[in-house]
């Protein structure tokens, strides 16, 4: 039996340094003012802050699989990996997306436990380029498949109502690919969907379009013809906590699982009640996530080299028998 610690974290603007030759010209021009003063030294400080939290997860061992978003490129992600637990064989799988701010979704994984067999990016269509849904099929040491699906859905900038159709589009895209995964891989292959959905578990982008449920019985039923997902965040709702704070707490970062992880008789099983929001004391300031910000920031985005991110990580555990 192998237990895997699975986590997700929006790292908030983990950009490469301003003078990076890896940044295309169009993005450099767009970010010139936003990233004023964003030097390699500043990046190094942010990476050290993020790494200290990641290393502290899983009782100080670090996650076995960590999904992340708001990373600019493979280079800055590998800088982060170098600061992680050296007893681990951490590696990255990353897809360069077409987001207008140049931020991507990626996975950090322990190569001693998991090996990427294939990865796919599922395009979410809208008027402007947006972040793709990123699917990675991992192979475990026993030869079984574990699928991770990373999401960073369109933001609420411009208004929650005006931007809602874009997230509904992302939810429908996710539901389609969940059906395709089921048809190709079969009912018994576990899928862990994680991300910053920029919506709450009760929003229609998740409940109606992504087929995300709060009912374990409905998702676990072998009679269902739909590729339902169980949204693990529901038991944490209504407690006055969340993963992101903007005027109030929001549960924007979520982990969802498919039917294959909900039957104790199968090869895979979700550890009951293992879903948690990571709330280490150092992550908080004045009762809210302590942001790292940026040197050019003002107000809530003001630079704080003792900060981390404007989102809190989420975590759960799954068992392979």
C-alpha atoms as a PDB file:
ATOM      1  CA  UNK A   1       0.000   0.000   0.000  1.00  0.00           C
ATOM      2  CA  UNK A   2       1.273   3.476  -0.935  1.00  0.00           C
ATOM      3  CA  UNK A   3      -0.223   6.698   0.406  1.00  0.00           C
ATOM      4  CA  UNK A   4       0.182   9.835  -1.702  1.00  0.00           C
ATOM      5  CA  UNK A   5       0.003  13.372  -0.392  1.00  0.00           C
ATOM      6  CA  UNK A   6      -1.621  15.532  -3.088  1.00  0.00           C
ATOM      7  CA  UNK A   7      -1.653  19.336  -2.928  1.00  0.00           C
ATOM      8  CA  UNK A   8      -2.511  22.418  -4.968  1.00  0.00           C
ATOM      9  CA  UNK A   9      -1.284  26.002  -4.624  1.00  0.00           C
ATOM     10  CA  UNK A  10      -1.737  29.210  -6.595  1.00  0.00           C
ATOM     11  CA  UNK A  11       1.756  30.699  -6.178  1.00  0.00           C
ATOM     12  CA  UNK A  12       0.662  34.253  -7.097  1.00  0.00           C
ATOM     13  CA  UNK A  13       2.714  35.813  -9.838  1.00  0.00           C
ATOM     14  CA  UNK A  14       5.813  33.639  -9.792  1.00  0.00           C
ATOM     15  CA  UNK A  15       7.398  35.497 -12.674  1.00  0.00           C
ATOM     16  CA  UNK A  16      10.931  35.135 -13.923  1.00  0.00           C
ATOM     17  CA  UNK A  17      13.227  38.114 -13.410  1.00  0.00           C
ATOM     18  CA  UNK A  18      12.640  41.156 -15.608  1.00  0.00           C
ATOM     19  CA  UNK A  19      15.794  40.612 -17.640  1.00  0.00           C
ATOM     20  CA  UNK A  20      14.912  37.017 -18.468  1.00  0.00           C
ATOM     21  CA  UNK A  21      15.661  36.144 -22.091  1.00  0.00           C
ATOM     22  CA  UNK A  22      12.919  33.514 -21.892  1.00  0.00           C
ATOM     23  CA  UNK A  23      10.114  36.087 -21.950  1.00  0.00           C
ATOM     24  CA  UNK A  24       8.694  36.958 -25.386  1.00  0.00           C
ATOM     25  CA  UNK A  25       8.710  40.622 -26.357  1.00  0.00           C
ATOM     26  CA  UNK A  26       4.926  41.047 -26.280  1.00  0.00           C
ATOM     27  CA  UNK A  27       4.828  39.850 -22.681  1.00  0.00           C
ATOM     28  CA  UNK A  28       7.838  41.927 -21.644  1.00  0.00           C
ATOM     29  CA  UNK A  29       6.084  45.063 -22.880  1.00  0.00           C
ATOM     30  CA  UNK A  30       2.858  44.129 -21.107  1.00  0.00           C
ATOM     31  CA  UNK A  31       4.599  43.460 -17.777  1.00  0.00           C
ATOM     32  CA  UNK A  32       7.116  46.312 -17.875  1.00  0.00           C
ATOM     33  CA  UNK A  33       5.295  48.479 -15.321  1.00  0.00           C
ATOM     34  CA  UNK A  34       3.819  45.661 -13.242  1.00  0.00           C
ATOM     35  CA  UNK A  35       7.222  44.051 -12.694  1.00  0.00           C
ATOM     36  CA  UNK A  36       9.324  47.150 -12.119  1.00  0.00           C
ATOM     37  CA  UNK A  37      11.969  46.144  -9.582  1.00  0.00           C
ATOM     38  CA  UNK A  38      11.238  42.425 -10.021  1.00  0.00           C
ATOM     39  CA  UNK A  39      14.891  41.392 -10.014  1.00  0.00           C
ATOM     40  CA  UNK A  40      16.510  37.983  -9.743  1.00  0.00           C
ATOM     41  CA  UNK A  41      17.150  38.729  -6.059  1.00  0.00           C
ATOM     42  CA  UNK A  42      13.453  39.409  -5.449  1.00  0.00           C
ATOM     43  CA  UNK A  43      12.512  36.229  -7.332  1.00  0.00           C
ATOM     44  CA  UNK A  44      14.965  34.307  -5.164  1.00  0.00           C
ATOM     45  CA  UNK A  45      13.331  35.650  -2.001  1.00  0.00           C
ATOM     46  CA  UNK A  46       9.848  34.704  -3.198  1.00  0.00           C
ATOM     47  CA  UNK A  47      11.035  31.218  -4.158  1.00  0.00           C
ATOM     48  CA  UNK A  48      12.612  30.754  -0.722  1.00  0.00           C
ATOM     49  CA  UNK A  49       9.337  31.762   0.938  1.00  0.00           C
ATOM     50  CA  UNK A  50       7.253  29.409  -1.215  1.00  0.00           C
ATOM     51  CA  UNK A  51       9.712  26.540  -0.748  1.00  0.00           C
ATOM     52  CA  UNK A  52       9.583  26.852   3.036  1.00  0.00           C
ATOM     53  CA  UNK A  53       5.832  26.181   2.977  1.00  0.00           C
ATOM     54  CA  UNK A  54       5.977  23.386   0.405  1.00  0.00           C
ATOM     55  CA  UNK A  55       8.709  21.639   2.397  1.00  0.00           C
ATOM     56  CA  UNK A  56       6.606  21.892   5.561  1.00  0.00           C
ATOM     57  CA  UNK A  57       3.632  20.121   3.979  1.00  0.00           C
ATOM     58  CA  UNK A  58       3.023  16.411   4.553  1.00  0.00           C
ATOM     59  CA  UNK A  59       4.543  16.535   8.044  1.00  0.00           C
ATOM     60  CA  UNK A  60       7.754  18.095   6.773  1.00  0.00           C
ATOM     61  CA  UNK A  61       8.331  15.715   3.860  1.00  0.00           C
ATOM     62  CA  UNK A  62       6.736  17.827   1.136  1.00  0.00           C
ATOM     63  CA  UNK A  63       3.951  16.714  -1.229  1.00  0.00           C
ATOM     64  CA  UNK A  64       4.200  13.671  -3.469  1.00  0.00           C
ATOM     65  CA  UNK A  65       2.308  15.562  -6.168  1.00  0.00           C
ATOM     66  CA  UNK A  66       1.787  19.333  -6.190  1.00  0.00           C
ATOM     67  CA  UNK A  67      -0.238  21.226  -8.768  1.00  0.00           C
ATOM     68  CA  UNK A  68       0.601  24.920  -9.125  1.00  0.00           C
ATOM     69  CA  UNK A  69      -0.531  27.907 -11.139  1.00  0.00           C
ATOM     70  CA  UNK A  70       0.626  31.471 -11.816  1.00  0.00           C
ATOM     71  CA  UNK A  71       4.132  30.387 -12.813  1.00  0.00           C
ATOM     72  CA  UNK A  72       5.658  32.124 -15.807  1.00  0.00           C
ATOM     73  CA  UNK A  73       7.857  29.407 -17.255  1.00  0.00           C
ATOM     74  CA  UNK A  74       9.758  26.178 -16.790  1.00  0.00           C
ATOM     75  CA  UNK A  75      12.932  28.010 -15.717  1.00  0.00           C
ATOM     76  CA  UNK A  76      11.486  29.744 -12.667  1.00  0.00           C
ATOM     77  CA  UNK A  77       9.653  26.537 -11.702  1.00  0.00           C
ATOM     78  CA  UNK A  78      12.925  24.607 -11.724  1.00  0.00           C
ATOM     79  CA  UNK A  79      14.482  27.297  -9.537  1.00  0.00           C
ATOM     80  CA  UNK A  80      11.726  26.551  -7.052  1.00  0.00           C
ATOM     81  CA  UNK A  81      12.318  22.787  -7.251  1.00  0.00           C
ATOM     82  CA  UNK A  82      15.989  23.278  -6.373  1.00  0.00           C
ATOM     83  CA  UNK A  83      14.905  24.751  -3.042  1.00  0.00           C
ATOM     84  CA  UNK A  84      12.648  21.814  -2.146  1.00  0.00           C
ATOM     85  CA  UNK A  85      13.407  18.802   0.054  1.00  0.00           C
ATOM     86  CA  UNK A  86      16.670  17.338  -1.269  1.00  0.00           C
ATOM     87  CA  UNK A  87      15.754  13.895  -0.004  1.00  0.00           C
ATOM     88  CA  UNK A  88      13.086  13.937  -2.692  1.00  0.00           C
ATOM     89  CA  UNK A  89      13.631  13.423  -6.423  1.00  0.00           C
ATOM     90  CA  UNK A  90      11.395  16.309  -7.449  1.00  0.00           C
ATOM     91  CA  UNK A  91      10.787  17.063 -11.123  1.00  0.00           C
ATOM     92  CA  UNK A  92       8.350  19.204 -13.110  1.00  0.00           C
ATOM     93  CA  UNK A  93       5.954  18.793 -15.980  1.00  0.00           C
ATOM     94  CA  UNK A  94       4.879  22.096 -17.470  1.00  0.00           C
ATOM     95  CA  UNK A  95       2.975  23.435 -20.461  1.00  0.00           C
ATOM     96  CA  UNK A  96       3.627  26.882 -21.897  1.00  0.00           C
ATOM     97  CA  UNK A  97       0.148  28.390 -22.243  1.00  0.00           C
ATOM     98  CA  UNK A  98      -1.203  31.372 -24.161  1.00  0.00           C
ATOM     99  CA  UNK A  99      -2.535  33.406 -21.258  1.00  0.00           C
ATOM    100  CA  UNK A 100      -2.314  37.154 -21.819  1.00  0.00           C
ATOM    101  CA  UNK A 101      -0.234  37.560 -18.617  1.00  0.00           C
ATOM    102  CA  UNK A 102       2.026  34.633 -19.481  1.00  0.00           C
ATOM    103  CA  UNK A 103       1.139  32.519 -16.431  1.00  0.00           C
ATOM    104  CA  UNK A 104       0.910  28.737 -16.598  1.00  0.00           C
ATOM    105  CA  UNK A 105      -0.317  25.624 -14.798  1.00  0.00           C
ATOM    106  CA  UNK A 106       2.196  22.889 -13.917  1.00  0.00           C
ATOM    107  CA  UNK A 107       2.868  19.885 -11.685  1.00  0.00           C
ATOM    108  CA  UNK A 108       5.769  19.175  -9.344  1.00  0.00           C
ATOM    109  CA  UNK A 109       6.105  15.469  -8.559  1.00  0.00           C
ATOM    110  CA  UNK A 110       8.405  13.003  -6.840  1.00  0.00           C
ATOM    111  CA  UNK A 111      10.021  11.055  -9.684  1.00  0.00           C
ATOM    112  CA  UNK A 112      10.732   8.164  -7.317  1.00  0.00           C
ATOM    113  CA  UNK A 113       6.973   7.624  -7.026  1.00  0.00           C
ATOM    114  CA  UNK A 114       5.454   8.945 -10.244  1.00  0.00           C
ATOM    115  CA  UNK A 115       6.472   9.157 -13.885  1.00  0.00           C
ATOM    116  CA  UNK A 116       4.644  11.289 -16.471  1.00  0.00           C
ATOM    117  CA  UNK A 117       3.459   8.950 -19.210  1.00  0.00           C
ATOM    118  CA  UNK A 118       1.642  11.563 -21.282  1.00  0.00           C
ATOM    119  CA  UNK A 119       0.340  15.088 -20.932  1.00  0.00           C
ATOM    120  CA  UNK A 120      -2.283  17.096 -22.778  1.00  0.00           C
ATOM    121  CA  UNK A 121      -3.500  20.675 -22.810  1.00  0.00           C
ATOM    122  CA  UNK A 122      -7.214  21.182 -23.344  1.00  0.00           C
ATOM    123  CA  UNK A 123      -7.966  24.565 -24.878  1.00  0.00           C
ATOM    124  CA  UNK A 124     -10.742  26.657 -23.355  1.00  0.00           C
ATOM    125  CA  UNK A 125     -12.168  28.752 -26.174  1.00  0.00           C
ATOM    126  CA  UNK A 126     -13.068  32.408 -25.643  1.00  0.00           C
ATOM    127  CA  UNK A 127     -12.445  35.674 -27.432  1.00  0.00           C
ATOM    128  CA  UNK A 128      -8.938  36.060 -26.005  1.00  0.00           C
ATOM    129  CA  UNK A 129      -6.339  33.463 -25.111  1.00  0.00           C
ATOM    130  CA  UNK A 130      -6.888  31.881 -21.714  1.00  0.00           C
ATOM    131  CA  UNK A 131      -5.165  29.258 -19.618  1.00  0.00           C
ATOM    132  CA  UNK A 132      -5.627  25.722 -20.867  1.00  0.00           C
ATOM    133  CA  UNK A 133      -6.716  22.800 -18.712  1.00  0.00           C
ATOM    134  CA  UNK A 134      -3.562  20.741 -18.163  1.00  0.00           C
ATOM    135  CA  UNK A 135      -3.848  16.944 -17.917  1.00  0.00           C
ATOM    136  CA  UNK A 136      -0.948  14.678 -16.956  1.00  0.00           C
ATOM    137  CA  UNK A 137      -1.174  10.878 -16.916  1.00  0.00           C
ATOM    138  CA  UNK A 138       1.259   9.597 -14.301  1.00  0.00           C
ATOM    139  CA  UNK A 139       2.459   6.007 -13.943  1.00  0.00           C
ATOM    140  CA  UNK A 140       3.079   4.702 -10.435  1.00  0.00           C
ATOM    141  CA  UNK A 141       5.804   2.253  -9.396  1.00  0.00           C
ATOM    142  CA  UNK A 142       3.254  -0.562  -9.592  1.00  0.00           C
ATOM    143  CA  UNK A 143       2.448   0.356 -13.203  1.00  0.00           C
ATOM    144  CA  UNK A 144      -0.978   1.857 -12.534  1.00  0.00           C
ATOM    145  CA  UNK A 145      -2.204   5.167 -13.922  1.00  0.00           C
ATOM    146  CA  UNK A 146      -3.017   8.233 -11.817  1.00  0.00           C
ATOM    147  CA  UNK A 147      -4.305  11.264 -13.718  1.00  0.00           C
ATOM    148  CA  UNK A 148      -3.887  14.845 -12.518  1.00  0.00           C
ATOM    149  CA  UNK A 149      -5.862  17.666 -14.136  1.00  0.00           C
ATOM    150  CA  UNK A 150      -4.713  21.220 -13.314  1.00  0.00           C
ATOM    151  CA  UNK A 151      -7.011  24.225 -13.768  1.00  0.00           C
ATOM    152  CA  UNK A 152      -6.768  27.986 -13.536  1.00  0.00           C
ATOM    153  CA  UNK A 153     -10.087  29.290 -14.781  1.00  0.00           C
ATOM    154  CA  UNK A 154     -10.726  32.842 -16.052  1.00  0.00           C
ATOM    155  CA  UNK A 155     -10.703  35.471 -13.330  1.00  0.00           C
ATOM    156  CA  UNK A 156     -13.553  37.655 -12.137  1.00  0.00           C
ATOM    157  CA  UNK A 157     -11.879  40.835 -13.371  1.00  0.00           C
ATOM    158  CA  UNK A 158     -14.469  43.002 -15.079  1.00  0.00           C
ATOM    159  CA  UNK A 159     -17.141  41.699 -12.740  1.00  0.00           C
ATOM    160  CA  UNK A 160     -18.291  38.289 -11.504  1.00  0.00           C
ATOM    161  CA  UNK A 161     -21.438  38.263 -13.647  1.00  0.00           C
ATOM    162  CA  UNK A 162     -19.769  39.533 -16.824  1.00  0.00           C
ATOM    163  CA  UNK A 163     -16.968  36.972 -16.562  1.00  0.00           C
ATOM    164  CA  UNK A 164     -19.167  34.039 -15.460  1.00  0.00           C
ATOM    165  CA  UNK A 165     -19.728  32.628 -18.999  1.00  0.00           C
ATOM    166  CA  UNK A 166     -15.975  32.151 -19.424  1.00  0.00           C
ATOM    167  CA  UNK A 167     -15.776  29.976 -16.320  1.00  0.00           C
ATOM    168  CA  UNK A 168     -18.880  28.088 -17.420  1.00  0.00           C
ATOM    169  CA  UNK A 169     -17.065  27.440 -20.698  1.00  0.00           C
ATOM    170  CA  UNK A 170     -14.068  26.108 -18.752  1.00  0.00           C
ATOM    171  CA  UNK A 171     -16.363  23.874 -16.695  1.00  0.00           C
ATOM    172  CA  UNK A 172     -17.998  22.440 -19.793  1.00  0.00           C
ATOM    173  CA  UNK A 173     -14.570  21.795 -21.315  1.00  0.00           C
ATOM    174  CA  UNK A 174     -13.482  19.963 -18.169  1.00  0.00           C
ATOM    175  CA  UNK A 175     -16.645  17.814 -18.189  1.00  0.00           C
ATOM    176  CA  UNK A 176     -16.067  16.861 -21.835  1.00  0.00           C
ATOM    177  CA  UNK A 177     -12.509  15.740 -21.143  1.00  0.00           C
ATOM    178  CA  UNK A 178     -13.592  13.812 -18.072  1.00  0.00           C
ATOM    179  CA  UNK A 179     -15.926  11.857 -20.352  1.00  0.00           C
ATOM    180  CA  UNK A 180     -13.101  11.275 -22.826  1.00  0.00           C
ATOM    181  CA  UNK A 181     -10.775  10.088 -20.025  1.00  0.00           C
ATOM    182  CA  UNK A 182     -13.452   7.657 -18.841  1.00  0.00           C
ATOM    183  CA  UNK A 183     -14.065   6.361 -22.370  1.00  0.00           C
ATOM    184  CA  UNK A 184     -10.361   5.872 -23.109  1.00  0.00           C
ATOM    185  CA  UNK A 185      -8.996   4.839 -19.705  1.00  0.00           C
ATOM    186  CA  UNK A 186     -12.073   3.140 -18.242  1.00  0.00           C
ATOM    187  CA  UNK A 187     -14.077   3.662 -15.056  1.00  0.00           C
ATOM    188  CA  UNK A 188     -11.365   2.460 -12.680  1.00  0.00           C
ATOM    189  CA  UNK A 189      -8.606   4.971 -13.459  1.00  0.00           C
ATOM    190  CA  UNK A 190      -8.382   7.620 -10.703  1.00  0.00           C
ATOM    191  CA  UNK A 191      -8.530  11.277 -11.678  1.00  0.00           C
ATOM    192  CA  UNK A 192      -7.679  14.128  -9.312  1.00  0.00           C
ATOM    193  CA  UNK A 193      -8.875  17.506 -10.566  1.00  0.00           C
ATOM    194  CA  UNK A 194      -7.356  20.505  -8.816  1.00  0.00           C
ATOM    195  CA  UNK A 195      -7.120  24.187  -9.405  1.00  0.00           C
ATOM    196  CA  UNK A 196      -7.985  27.809  -8.818  1.00  0.00           C
ATOM    197  CA  UNK A 197     -11.449  27.845 -10.336  1.00  0.00           C
ATOM    198  CA  UNK A 198     -12.176  31.501  -9.522  1.00  0.00           C
ATOM    199  CA  UNK A 199     -15.624  30.259  -8.524  1.00  0.00           C
ATOM    200  CA  UNK A 200     -17.117  28.661  -5.417  1.00  0.00           C
ATOM    201  CA  UNK A 201     -18.210  25.006  -5.166  1.00  0.00           C
ATOM    202  CA  UNK A 202     -21.853  26.130  -5.460  1.00  0.00           C
ATOM    203  CA  UNK A 203     -21.387  28.174  -8.649  1.00  0.00           C
ATOM    204  CA  UNK A 204     -22.914  26.806 -11.861  1.00  0.00           C
ATOM    205  CA  UNK A 205     -19.559  26.610 -13.628  1.00  0.00           C
ATOM    206  CA  UNK A 206     -18.794  23.718 -11.275  1.00  0.00           C
ATOM    207  CA  UNK A 207     -22.186  22.238 -10.380  1.00  0.00           C
ATOM    208  CA  UNK A 208     -23.926  22.443 -13.772  1.00  0.00           C
ATOM    209  CA  UNK A 209     -21.114  22.584 -16.318  1.00  0.00           C
ATOM    210  CA  UNK A 210     -18.255  20.608 -14.712  1.00  0.00           C
ATOM    211  CA  UNK A 211     -20.690  18.134 -13.068  1.00  0.00           C
ATOM    212  CA  UNK A 212     -19.077  18.655  -9.671  1.00  0.00           C
ATOM    213  CA  UNK A 213     -21.200  17.209  -6.882  1.00  0.00           C
ATOM    214  CA  UNK A 214     -21.368  17.379  -3.095  1.00  0.00           C
ATOM    215  CA  UNK A 215     -23.103  13.976  -2.917  1.00  0.00           C
ATOM    216  CA  UNK A 216     -20.645  11.098  -2.543  1.00  0.00           C
ATOM    217  CA  UNK A 217     -23.403   8.573  -3.259  1.00  0.00           C
ATOM    218  CA  UNK A 218     -24.244  10.146  -6.602  1.00  0.00           C
ATOM    219  CA  UNK A 219     -20.635  10.284  -7.783  1.00  0.00           C
ATOM    220  CA  UNK A 220     -19.828   6.781  -6.524  1.00  0.00           C
ATOM    221  CA  UNK A 221     -22.895   5.145  -8.097  1.00  0.00           C
ATOM    222  CA  UNK A 222     -22.051   2.617 -10.824  1.00  0.00           C
ATOM    223  CA  UNK A 223     -25.421   3.340 -12.452  1.00  0.00           C
ATOM    224  CA  UNK A 224     -24.538   6.923 -13.363  1.00  0.00           C
ATOM    225  CA  UNK A 225     -23.919   7.548 -17.062  1.00  0.00           C
ATOM    226  CA  UNK A 226     -22.267  10.899 -16.407  1.00  0.00           C
ATOM    227  CA  UNK A 227     -18.654  11.561 -15.418  1.00  0.00           C
ATOM    228  CA  UNK A 228     -19.462  13.224 -12.100  1.00  0.00           C
ATOM    229  CA  UNK A 229     -16.768  14.615  -9.809  1.00  0.00           C
ATOM    230  CA  UNK A 230     -16.925  14.842  -6.032  1.00  0.00           C
ATOM    231  CA  UNK A 231     -15.954  18.322  -4.850  1.00  0.00           C
ATOM    232  CA  UNK A 232     -14.025  17.677  -1.643  1.00  0.00           C
ATOM    233  CA  UNK A 233     -14.374  21.250  -0.405  1.00  0.00           C
ATOM    234  CA  UNK A 234     -18.033  21.039   0.604  1.00  0.00           C
ATOM    235  CA  UNK A 235     -17.381  19.798   4.182  1.00  0.00           C
ATOM    236  CA  UNK A 236     -15.185  22.893   4.729  1.00  0.00           C
ATOM    237  CA  UNK A 237     -17.874  25.341   3.587  1.00  0.00           C
ATOM    238  CA  UNK A 238     -19.689  27.503   6.121  1.00  0.00           C
ATOM    239  CA  UNK A 239     -16.822  27.568   8.616  1.00  0.00           C
ATOM    240  CA  UNK A 240     -15.710  31.129   7.940  1.00  0.00           C
ATOM    241  CA  UNK A 241     -12.551  29.974   6.173  1.00  0.00           C
ATOM    242  CA  UNK A 242     -11.440  29.744   2.561  1.00  0.00           C
ATOM    243  CA  UNK A 243      -8.420  29.762   0.295  1.00  0.00           C
ATOM    244  CA  UNK A 244      -8.545  33.385  -0.895  1.00  0.00           C
ATOM    245  CA  UNK A 245      -9.672  36.619   0.718  1.00  0.00           C
ATOM    246  CA  UNK A 246     -11.203  39.514  -1.217  1.00  0.00           C
ATOM    247  CA  UNK A 247     -13.640  41.409   1.011  1.00  0.00           C
ATOM    248  CA  UNK A 248     -14.623  37.966   2.326  1.00  0.00           C
ATOM    249  CA  UNK A 249     -13.274  34.427   2.306  1.00  0.00           C
ATOM    250  CA  UNK A 250     -13.784  32.477  -0.930  1.00  0.00           C
ATOM    251  CA  UNK A 251     -13.241  28.767  -1.591  1.00  0.00           C
ATOM    252  CA  UNK A 252     -11.731  29.333  -5.019  1.00  0.00           C
ATOM    253  CA  UNK A 253      -9.054  26.621  -4.793  1.00  0.00           C
ATOM    254  CA  UNK A 254     -10.510  23.140  -4.826  1.00  0.00           C
ATOM    255  CA  UNK A 255      -9.718  19.451  -5.244  1.00  0.00           C
ATOM    256  CA  UNK A 256     -12.225  17.143  -6.931  1.00  0.00           C
ATOM    257  CA  UNK A 257     -12.030  13.389  -7.526  1.00  0.00           C
ATOM    258  CA  UNK A 258     -13.786  10.890  -9.770  1.00  0.00           C
ATOM    259  CA  UNK A 259     -15.656   7.694  -8.965  1.00  0.00           C
ATOM    260  CA  UNK A 260     -12.537   5.501  -9.062  1.00  0.00           C
ATOM    261  CA  UNK A 261     -11.301   7.044  -5.793  1.00  0.00           C
ATOM    262  CA  UNK A 262     -14.499   6.475  -3.849  1.00  0.00           C
ATOM    263  CA  UNK A 263     -14.709   2.671  -3.577  1.00  0.00           C
ATOM    264  CA  UNK A 264     -12.755   0.938  -0.823  1.00  0.00           C
ATOM    265  CA  UNK A 265     -12.729  -2.311  -2.788  1.00  0.00           C
ATOM    266  CA  UNK A 266     -10.729  -0.822  -5.681  1.00  0.00           C
ATOM    267  CA  UNK A 267      -7.006  -0.275  -6.175  1.00  0.00           C
ATOM    268  CA  UNK A 268      -7.381   3.407  -5.235  1.00  0.00           C
ATOM    269  CA  UNK A 269      -9.139   5.142  -2.398  1.00  0.00           C
ATOM    270  CA  UNK A 270      -9.411   8.684  -1.070  1.00  0.00           C
ATOM    271  CA  UNK A 271      -8.428   8.875   2.586  1.00  0.00           C
ATOM    272  CA  UNK A 272     -11.621   9.999   4.391  1.00  0.00           C
ATOM    273  CA  UNK A 273     -11.582  13.529   5.822  1.00  0.00           C
ATOM    274  CA  UNK A 274      -8.066  14.176   4.483  1.00  0.00           C
ATOM    275  CA  UNK A 275      -9.005  17.350   2.623  1.00  0.00           C
ATOM    276  CA  UNK A 276      -7.517  20.391   4.337  1.00  0.00           C
ATOM    277  CA  UNK A 277      -6.721  24.030   3.725  1.00  0.00           C
ATOM    278  CA  UNK A 278      -3.079  24.578   4.686  1.00  0.00           C
ATOM    279  CA  UNK A 279      -3.133  27.368   7.273  1.00  0.00           C
ATOM    280  CA  UNK A 280       0.340  27.458   8.806  1.00  0.00           C
ATOM    281  CA  UNK A 281       0.576  30.517  11.096  1.00  0.00           C
ATOM    282  CA  UNK A 282       3.313  32.109   8.981  1.00  0.00           C
ATOM    283  CA  UNK A 283       0.997  32.051   5.939  1.00  0.00           C
ATOM    284  CA  UNK A 284      -1.388  34.457   7.647  1.00  0.00           C
ATOM    285  CA  UNK A 285      -1.270  38.158   8.464  1.00  0.00           C
ATOM    286  CA  UNK A 286      -4.183  39.969  10.097  1.00  0.00           C
ATOM    287  CA  UNK A 287      -6.287  36.868   9.539  1.00  0.00           C
ATOM    288  CA  UNK A 288      -5.693  36.769   5.783  1.00  0.00           C
ATOM    289  CA  UNK A 289      -3.168  35.140   3.417  1.00  0.00           C
ATOM    290  CA  UNK A 290       0.146  37.000   3.663  1.00  0.00           C
ATOM    291  CA  UNK A 291       1.004  38.137   0.144  1.00  0.00           C
ATOM    292  CA  UNK A 292       4.535  38.512  -1.157  1.00  0.00           C
ATOM    293  CA  UNK A 293       3.347  41.239  -3.510  1.00  0.00           C
ATOM    294  CA  UNK A 294       5.834  43.024  -5.762  1.00  0.00           C
ATOM    295  CA  UNK A 295       8.146  46.065  -5.517  1.00  0.00           C
ATOM    296  CA  UNK A 296       5.897  48.078  -7.826  1.00  0.00           C
ATOM    297  CA  UNK A 297       2.761  47.173  -5.871  1.00  0.00           C
ATOM    298  CA  UNK A 298       0.623  49.453  -3.754  1.00  0.00           C
ATOM    299  CA  UNK A 299      -2.093  48.799  -1.207  1.00  0.00           C
ATOM    300  CA  UNK A 300      -2.835  45.080  -0.922  1.00  0.00           C
ATOM    301  CA  UNK A 301      -0.147  44.173  -3.466  1.00  0.00           C
ATOM    302  CA  UNK A 302       2.613  46.056  -1.622  1.00  0.00           C
ATOM    303  CA  UNK A 303       5.930  44.167  -1.460  1.00  0.00           C
ATOM    304  CA  UNK A 304       6.420  42.044   1.664  1.00  0.00           C
ATOM    305  CA  UNK A 305       9.490  39.821   1.465  1.00  0.00           C
ATOM    306  CA  UNK A 306       8.152  37.788   4.404  1.00  0.00           C
ATOM    307  CA  UNK A 307       4.969  37.017   2.469  1.00  0.00           C
ATOM    308  CA  UNK A 308       3.997  34.074   0.272  1.00  0.00           C
ATOM    309  CA  UNK A 309       0.850  34.202  -1.870  1.00  0.00           C
ATOM    310  CA  UNK A 310      -2.668  35.623  -1.849  1.00  0.00           C
ATOM    311  CA  UNK A 311      -3.981  32.036  -1.924  1.00  0.00           C
ATOM    312  CA  UNK A 312      -3.678  29.247   0.631  1.00  0.00           C
ATOM    313  CA  UNK A 313      -2.753  25.698  -0.463  1.00  0.00           C
ATOM    314  CA  UNK A 314      -5.172  22.769  -0.272  1.00  0.00           C
ATOM    315  CA  UNK A 315      -4.245  19.122   0.293  1.00  0.00           C
ATOM    316  CA  UNK A 316      -5.634  15.589   0.505  1.00  0.00           C
ATOM    317  CA  UNK A 317      -4.377  11.995   0.608  1.00  0.00           C
ATOM    318  CA  UNK A 318      -5.089   9.000  -1.616  1.00  0.00           C
ATOM    319  CA  UNK A 319      -4.068   5.379  -1.194  1.00  0.00           C
ATOM    320  CA  UNK A 320      -2.960   2.888  -3.840  1.00  0.00           C
ATOM    321  CA  UNK A 321      -3.374  -0.757  -2.829  1.00  0.00           C
END
